[in-house]
Protein backbone atom coordinates (compact mmCIF):
# COMPACT_ATOMS: atom_id res chain seq x y z
CA UNK A 1 14.27 14.61 -32.07
CA UNK A 2 15.49 14.04 -35.78
CA UNK A 3 17.93 17.25 -36.76
CA UNK A 4 19.87 18.53 -39.64
CA UNK A 5 23.38 17.33 -39.99
CA UNK A 6 24.99 19.83 -42.73
CA UNK A 7 22.83 17.84 -45.64
CA UNK A 8 21.99 15.09 -43.99
CA UNK A 9 18.60 14.40 -41.13
CA UNK A 10 20.00 12.59 -38.08
CA UNK A 11 18.78 11.29 -35.23
CA UNK A 12 20.10 12.48 -31.54
CA UNK A 13 19.26 12.05 -28.05
CA UNK A 14 16.67 14.24 -26.95
CA UNK A 15 18.42 16.45 -23.51
CA UNK A 16 15.76 15.79 -20.20
CA UNK A 17 14.92 18.57 -18.60
CA UNK A 18 12.69 18.49 -15.31
CA UNK A 19 10.13 20.13 -17.26
CA UNK A 20 9.49 17.08 -18.86
CA UNK A 21 9.21 14.73 -15.72
CA UNK A 22 6.31 14.58 -13.52
CA UNK A 23 7.82 13.89 -9.59
CA UNK A 24 4.83 11.93 -7.23
CA UNK A 25 3.36 14.06 -4.41
CA UNK A 26 6.49 14.39 -1.57
CA UNK A 27 9.02 14.73 -4.42
CA UNK A 28 10.88 17.16 -6.76
CA UNK A 29 12.97 16.99 -9.37
CA UNK A 30 16.75 17.97 -9.00
CA UNK A 31 19.03 17.57 -12.30
CA UNK A 32 21.72 14.92 -12.10
CA UNK A 33 24.19 15.42 -14.13
CA UNK A 34 22.28 15.93 -17.04
CA UNK A 35 19.77 13.32 -16.33
CA UNK A 36 16.40 14.67 -14.14
CA UNK A 37 15.57 13.02 -10.95
CA UNK A 38 12.66 12.41 -8.65
CA UNK A 39 14.20 12.92 -5.08
CA UNK A 40 11.67 13.79 -1.55
CA UNK A 41 11.26 16.60 -0.56
CA UNK A 42 12.60 18.37 2.64
CA UNK A 43 10.02 20.00 4.36
CA UNK A 44 11.21 23.28 5.06
CA UNK A 45 8.39 24.84 6.47
CA UNK A 46 4.84 23.36 8.26
CA UNK A 47 2.89 23.82 5.53
CA UNK A 48 5.58 21.67 3.23
CA UNK A 49 4.82 18.58 6.38
CA UNK A 50 1.98 16.25 7.20
CA UNK A 51 1.97 15.09 10.22
CA UNK A 52 0.52 12.33 11.25
CA UNK A 53 -3.43 11.99 13.58
CA UNK A 54 -2.52 12.82 17.14
CA UNK A 55 0.27 14.89 16.64
CA UNK A 56 1.08 18.43 14.90
CA UNK A 57 4.30 20.84 13.47
CA UNK A 58 6.22 22.57 15.39
CA UNK A 59 8.98 24.54 14.00
CA UNK A 60 12.21 23.42 15.76
CA UNK A 61 15.24 26.07 14.66
CA UNK A 62 14.51 26.08 10.64
CA UNK A 63 12.81 22.73 10.90
CA UNK A 64 9.65 21.13 10.92
CA UNK A 65 8.82 18.81 13.38
CA UNK A 66 5.65 16.18 14.53
CA UNK A 67 5.17 16.20 17.90
CA UNK A 68 2.42 15.10 19.69
CA UNK A 69 -1.07 16.89 20.73
CA UNK A 70 -0.98 17.59 24.12
CA UNK A 71 -4.37 17.14 24.89
CA UNK A 72 -6.64 18.47 27.71
CA UNK A 73 -9.69 18.33 29.68
CA UNK A 74 -11.61 20.08 26.88
CA UNK A 75 -10.45 18.14 24.43
CA UNK A 76 -12.19 14.92 26.14
CA UNK A 77 -16.07 14.62 26.05
CA UNK A 78 -16.88 11.90 29.12
CA UNK A 79 -19.89 9.56 29.08
CA UNK A 80 -22.71 10.50 31.86
CA UNK A 81 -21.55 9.86 35.02
CA UNK A 82 -18.06 10.35 34.86
CA UNK A 83 -15.81 13.39 34.71
CA UNK A 84 -12.20 14.58 33.68
CA UNK A 85 -8.95 14.58 35.80
CA UNK A 86 -6.09 14.96 34.38
CA UNK A 87 -4.26 12.27 35.20
CA UNK A 88 0.20 13.70 34.81
CA UNK A 89 -0.59 14.83 31.52
CA UNK A 90 -2.52 13.16 29.96
CA UNK A 91 -7.15 13.56 30.18
CA UNK A 92 -8.44 10.46 31.77
CA UNK A 93 -12.40 10.03 32.14
CA UNK A 94 -13.48 9.21 35.90
CA UNK A 95 -16.71 7.85 37.51
CA UNK A 96 -18.23 10.47 39.88
CA UNK A 97 -18.23 10.18 43.41
CA UNK A 98 -22.10 10.43 44.85
CA UNK A 99 -22.92 12.35 47.93
CA UNK A 100 -26.25 12.74 49.76
CA UNK A 101 -27.67 16.42 47.61
CA UNK A 102 -26.98 13.72 44.26
CA UNK A 103 -30.04 11.00 45.90
CA UNK A 104 -33.60 12.25 46.12
CA UNK A 105 -35.02 9.09 48.34
CA UNK A 106 -38.79 8.27 49.32
């Protein structure tokens, strides 16, 4: 920018600030010495953290973390002729064992 040095106009470097810098999503501006820099945002709450599919955010003391979603039979839709049963911690569709009550004889 131009500034007057007594009676002489001079070009001097502009001191940039974080207001002059647009950072990409997931980062924020921080001044390092006299230079603005984009640095990754540190997630402080679950609102700041986007978890991948199949996981959800939970606070671990003061740190948000992505943890796998624990599925149950309520989360699973089984096809006709099968029913949901828990296999340890995983819901699975298993064939329904038919009895004579399920069969109409001619």
